[in-house]
Amino acid sequence: MSEITIFGYVERALALAQKRYAEVRNCNLHSPVLQMYDSIVQQLLFLRDLIEGKEKDKAKLWEMTFGMYAVKEFDNSDELFFERLSDAWFIVDQIRRGLKVRLPHEVNASYRTKQEYLKMKYPDEF
């Protein structure tokens, strides 16, 4: 596994969020969860822009809710999406607190093992 950057973590979460949003939208344009998926996508777009320096207002990080969605909605129903959102949320939490960002693979000893497991389980998502 090649080393992933802060941008890579956010991009992986964003790509999967956009995919899930499109799947729900294509199945049911009036789905009650469509707004939640749209919110997740918009928050991840903002985070990406913040990391790229296109956005400056870090105060908006305190309004983000996609970490809550990850735990409440996807922990048991969409393992890969939960992992991607959790990784991005880990980054948000550190930026909000003004910490030097340490990436999930740098602090979690079992990160690589978990990713290999997910890669075998969801090969089309890697």
C-alpha atoms as a PDB file:
ATOM      1  CA  MET A   1       0.000   0.000   0.000  1.00  0.00           C
ATOM      2  CA  SER A   2       1.471   3.329  -0.988  1.00  0.00           C
ATOM      3  CA  GLU A   3       1.534   6.121   1.557  1.00  0.00           C
ATOM      4  CA  ILE A   4      -1.653   8.135   1.469  1.00  0.00           C
ATOM      5  CA  THR A   5      -1.648  11.872   2.148  1.00  0.00           C
ATOM      6  CA  ILE A   6      -4.127  14.066   3.989  1.00  0.00           C
ATOM      7  CA  PHE A   7      -5.571  14.999   0.605  1.00  0.00           C
ATOM      8  CA  GLY A   8      -5.811  11.315  -0.317  1.00  0.00           C
ATOM      9  CA  TYR A   9      -7.887  10.491   2.747  1.00  0.00           C
ATOM     10  CA  VAL A  10     -10.330  13.288   1.986  1.00  0.00           C
ATOM     11  CA  GLU A  11     -10.492  12.404  -1.716  1.00  0.00           C
ATOM     12  CA  ARG A  12     -11.241   8.740  -0.952  1.00  0.00           C
ATOM     13  CA  ALA A  13     -14.049   9.732   1.406  1.00  0.00           C
ATOM     14  CA  LEU A  14     -15.392  12.271  -1.092  1.00  0.00           C
ATOM     15  CA  ALA A  15     -15.319   9.861  -4.038  1.00  0.00           C
ATOM     16  CA  LEU A  16     -17.235   7.224  -2.093  1.00  0.00           C
ATOM     17  CA  ALA A  17     -19.695   9.819  -0.743  1.00  0.00           C
ATOM     18  CA  GLN A  18     -20.388  11.042  -4.276  1.00  0.00           C
ATOM     19  CA  LYS A  19     -20.875   7.465  -5.435  1.00  0.00           C
ATOM     20  CA  ARG A  20     -23.291   6.644  -2.596  1.00  0.00           C
ATOM     21  CA  TYR A  21     -25.183   9.896  -3.184  1.00  0.00           C
ATOM     22  CA  ALA A  22     -25.572   9.095  -6.894  1.00  0.00           C
ATOM     23  CA  GLU A  23     -26.744   5.547  -6.114  1.00  0.00           C
ATOM     24  CA  VAL A  24     -29.442   6.786  -3.729  1.00  0.00           C
ATOM     25  CA  ARG A  25     -30.495   9.610  -6.071  1.00  0.00           C
ATOM     26  CA  ASN A  26     -30.772   7.225  -9.024  1.00  0.00           C
ATOM     27  CA  CYS A  27     -32.864   4.728  -7.046  1.00  0.00           C
ATOM     28  CA  ASN A  28     -35.238   7.197  -5.424  1.00  0.00           C
ATOM     29  CA  LEU A  29     -35.146  10.913  -6.102  1.00  0.00           C
ATOM     30  CA  HIS A  30     -37.387  11.476  -3.068  1.00  0.00           C
ATOM     31  CA  SER A  31     -35.444   9.320  -0.622  1.00  0.00           C
ATOM     32  CA  PRO A  32     -35.385  10.857   2.859  1.00  0.00           C
ATOM     33  CA  VAL A  33     -31.650  10.098   3.146  1.00  0.00           C
ATOM     34  CA  LEU A  34     -30.746  12.032   0.009  1.00  0.00           C
ATOM     35  CA  GLN A  35     -30.298  15.238   2.008  1.00  0.00           C
ATOM     36  CA  MET A  36     -27.908  13.469   4.394  1.00  0.00           C
ATOM     37  CA  TYR A  37     -25.740  12.200   1.524  1.00  0.00           C
ATOM     38  CA  ASP A  38     -25.737  15.645  -0.079  1.00  0.00           C
ATOM     39  CA  SER A  39     -24.675  17.179   3.229  1.00  0.00           C
ATOM     40  CA  ILE A  40     -21.800  14.708   3.550  1.00  0.00           C
ATOM     41  CA  VAL A  41     -20.615  15.477   0.016  1.00  0.00           C
ATOM     42  CA  GLN A  42     -20.786  19.246   0.610  1.00  0.00           C
ATOM     43  CA  GLN A  43     -18.856  18.983   3.873  1.00  0.00           C
ATOM     44  CA  LEU A  44     -16.142  16.873   2.260  1.00  0.00           C
ATOM     45  CA  LEU A  45     -15.884  19.336  -0.632  1.00  0.00           C
ATOM     46  CA  PHE A  46     -15.368  22.131   1.894  1.00  0.00           C
ATOM     47  CA  LEU A  47     -12.739  20.083   3.741  1.00  0.00           C
ATOM     48  CA  ARG A  48     -10.886  19.399   0.494  1.00  0.00           C
ATOM     49  CA  ASP A  49     -10.956  23.102  -0.385  1.00  0.00           C
ATOM     50  CA  LEU A  50      -9.707  23.995   3.098  1.00  0.00           C
ATOM     51  CA  ILE A  51      -6.792  21.586   2.789  1.00  0.00           C
ATOM     52  CA  GLU A  52      -5.976  22.944  -0.678  1.00  0.00           C
ATOM     53  CA  GLY A  53      -6.041  26.504   0.673  1.00  0.00           C
ATOM     54  CA  LYS A  54      -9.093  27.558  -1.348  1.00  0.00           C
ATOM     55  CA  GLU A  55     -11.119  28.001   1.854  1.00  0.00           C
ATOM     56  CA  LYS A  56      -9.851  29.844   4.902  1.00  0.00           C
ATOM     57  CA  ASP A  57     -12.699  29.750   7.440  1.00  0.00           C
ATOM     58  CA  LYS A  58     -11.727  26.954   9.831  1.00  0.00           C
ATOM     59  CA  ALA A  59     -14.632  27.897  12.103  1.00  0.00           C
ATOM     60  CA  LYS A  60     -16.928  26.010   9.715  1.00  0.00           C
ATOM     61  CA  LEU A  61     -15.212  22.797  10.788  1.00  0.00           C
ATOM     62  CA  TRP A  62     -17.135  23.050  14.065  1.00  0.00           C
ATOM     63  CA  GLU A  63     -20.414  22.878  12.127  1.00  0.00           C
ATOM     64  CA  MET A  64     -19.543  19.630  10.357  1.00  0.00           C
ATOM     65  CA  THR A  65     -21.718  16.617  11.071  1.00  0.00           C
ATOM     66  CA  PHE A  66     -20.458  13.879   8.761  1.00  0.00           C
ATOM     67  CA  GLY A  67     -18.609  12.189  11.637  1.00  0.00           C
ATOM     68  CA  MET A  68     -21.900  11.793  13.467  1.00  0.00           C
ATOM     69  CA  TYR A  69     -23.507  10.375  10.330  1.00  0.00           C
ATOM     70  CA  ALA A  70     -20.655   7.889  10.024  1.00  0.00           C
ATOM     71  CA  VAL A  71     -21.268   6.501  13.496  1.00  0.00           C
ATOM     72  CA  LYS A  72     -25.068   6.673  13.584  1.00  0.00           C
ATOM     73  CA  GLU A  73     -25.873   5.617  10.039  1.00  0.00           C
ATOM     74  CA  PHE A  74     -23.033   3.586   8.547  1.00  0.00           C
ATOM     75  CA  ASP A  75     -21.133   1.804  11.317  1.00  0.00           C
ATOM     76  CA  ASN A  76     -23.233  -1.339  10.915  1.00  0.00           C
ATOM     77  CA  SER A  77     -24.675  -0.875   7.435  1.00  0.00           C
ATOM     78  CA  ASP A  78     -21.807   0.286   5.183  1.00  0.00           C
ATOM     79  CA  GLU A  79     -18.459  -0.713   6.614  1.00  0.00           C
ATOM     80  CA  LEU A  80     -16.308   0.845   3.913  1.00  0.00           C
ATOM     81  CA  PHE A  81     -18.167   4.167   3.920  1.00  0.00           C
ATOM     82  CA  PHE A  82     -17.923   4.231   7.708  1.00  0.00           C
ATOM     83  CA  GLU A  83     -14.148   3.744   7.496  1.00  0.00           C
ATOM     84  CA  ARG A  84     -13.674   6.421   4.842  1.00  0.00           C
ATOM     85  CA  LEU A  85     -15.776   8.967   6.727  1.00  0.00           C
ATOM     86  CA  SER A  86     -14.088   8.094  10.019  1.00  0.00           C
ATOM     87  CA  ASP A  87     -10.646   8.658   8.500  1.00  0.00           C
ATOM     88  CA  ALA A  88     -11.700  12.066   7.173  1.00  0.00           C
ATOM     89  CA  TRP A  89     -13.324  12.920  10.511  1.00  0.00           C
ATOM     90  CA  PHE A  90     -10.097  12.048  12.333  1.00  0.00           C
ATOM     91  CA  ILE A  91      -8.405  14.716  10.211  1.00  0.00           C
ATOM     92  CA  VAL A  92     -11.185  17.276  10.798  1.00  0.00           C
ATOM     93  CA  ASP A  93     -10.953  16.786  14.555  1.00  0.00           C
ATOM     94  CA  GLN A  94      -7.236  17.510  14.589  1.00  0.00           C
ATOM     95  CA  ILE A  95      -7.502  20.579  12.365  1.00  0.00           C
ATOM     96  CA  ARG A  96     -10.337  21.952  14.533  1.00  0.00           C
ATOM     97  CA  ARG A  97      -8.192  21.637  17.634  1.00  0.00           C
ATOM     98  CA  GLY A  98      -5.200  23.276  15.965  1.00  0.00           C
ATOM     99  CA  LEU A  99      -3.071  20.151  16.135  1.00  0.00           C
ATOM    100  CA  LYS A 100      -0.463  18.996  13.679  1.00  0.00           C
ATOM    101  CA  VAL A 101      -2.374  16.459  11.613  1.00  0.00           C
ATOM    102  CA  ARG A 102      -1.342  12.864  12.075  1.00  0.00           C
ATOM    103  CA  LEU A 103      -2.895  10.541   9.534  1.00  0.00           C
ATOM    104  CA  PRO A 104      -4.834   7.400  10.457  1.00  0.00           C
ATOM    105  CA  HIS A 105      -2.125   5.038   9.197  1.00  0.00           C
ATOM    106  CA  GLU A 106       0.427   6.894  11.334  1.00  0.00           C
ATOM    107  CA  VAL A 107      -1.408   6.382  14.620  1.00  0.00           C
ATOM    108  CA  ASN A 108      -3.363   3.150  14.170  1.00  0.00           C
ATOM    109  CA  ALA A 109      -1.130   0.072  14.206  1.00  0.00           C
ATOM    110  CA  SER A 110      -3.829  -2.095  12.621  1.00  0.00           C
ATOM    111  CA  TYR A 111      -4.733   0.398   9.877  1.00  0.00           C
ATOM    112  CA  ARG A 112      -2.960  -1.433   7.059  1.00  0.00           C
ATOM    113  CA  THR A 113      -4.419  -4.787   8.078  1.00  0.00           C
ATOM    114  CA  LYS A 114      -7.921  -3.304   8.111  1.00  0.00           C
ATOM    115  CA  GLN A 115      -7.388  -1.754   4.675  1.00  0.00           C
ATOM    116  CA  GLU A 116      -6.207  -5.062   3.227  1.00  0.00           C
ATOM    117  CA  TYR A 117      -9.322  -6.727   4.637  1.00  0.00           C
ATOM    118  CA  LEU A 118     -11.555  -4.029   3.128  1.00  0.00           C
ATOM    119  CA  LYS A 119      -9.723  -4.283  -0.191  1.00  0.00           C
ATOM    120  CA  MET A 120     -10.455  -8.012  -0.355  1.00  0.00           C
ATOM    121  CA  LYS A 121     -14.074  -7.482   0.670  1.00  0.00           C
ATOM    122  CA  TYR A 122     -14.721  -4.482  -1.623  1.00  0.00           C
ATOM    123  CA  PRO A 123     -12.191  -4.755  -4.483  1.00  0.00           C
ATOM    124  CA  ASP A 124     -14.141  -2.401  -6.768  1.00  0.00           C
ATOM    125  CA  GLU A 125     -13.845   0.419  -4.231  1.00  0.00           C
ATOM    126  CA  PHE A 126     -10.040   0.488  -4.194  1.00  0.00           C
END
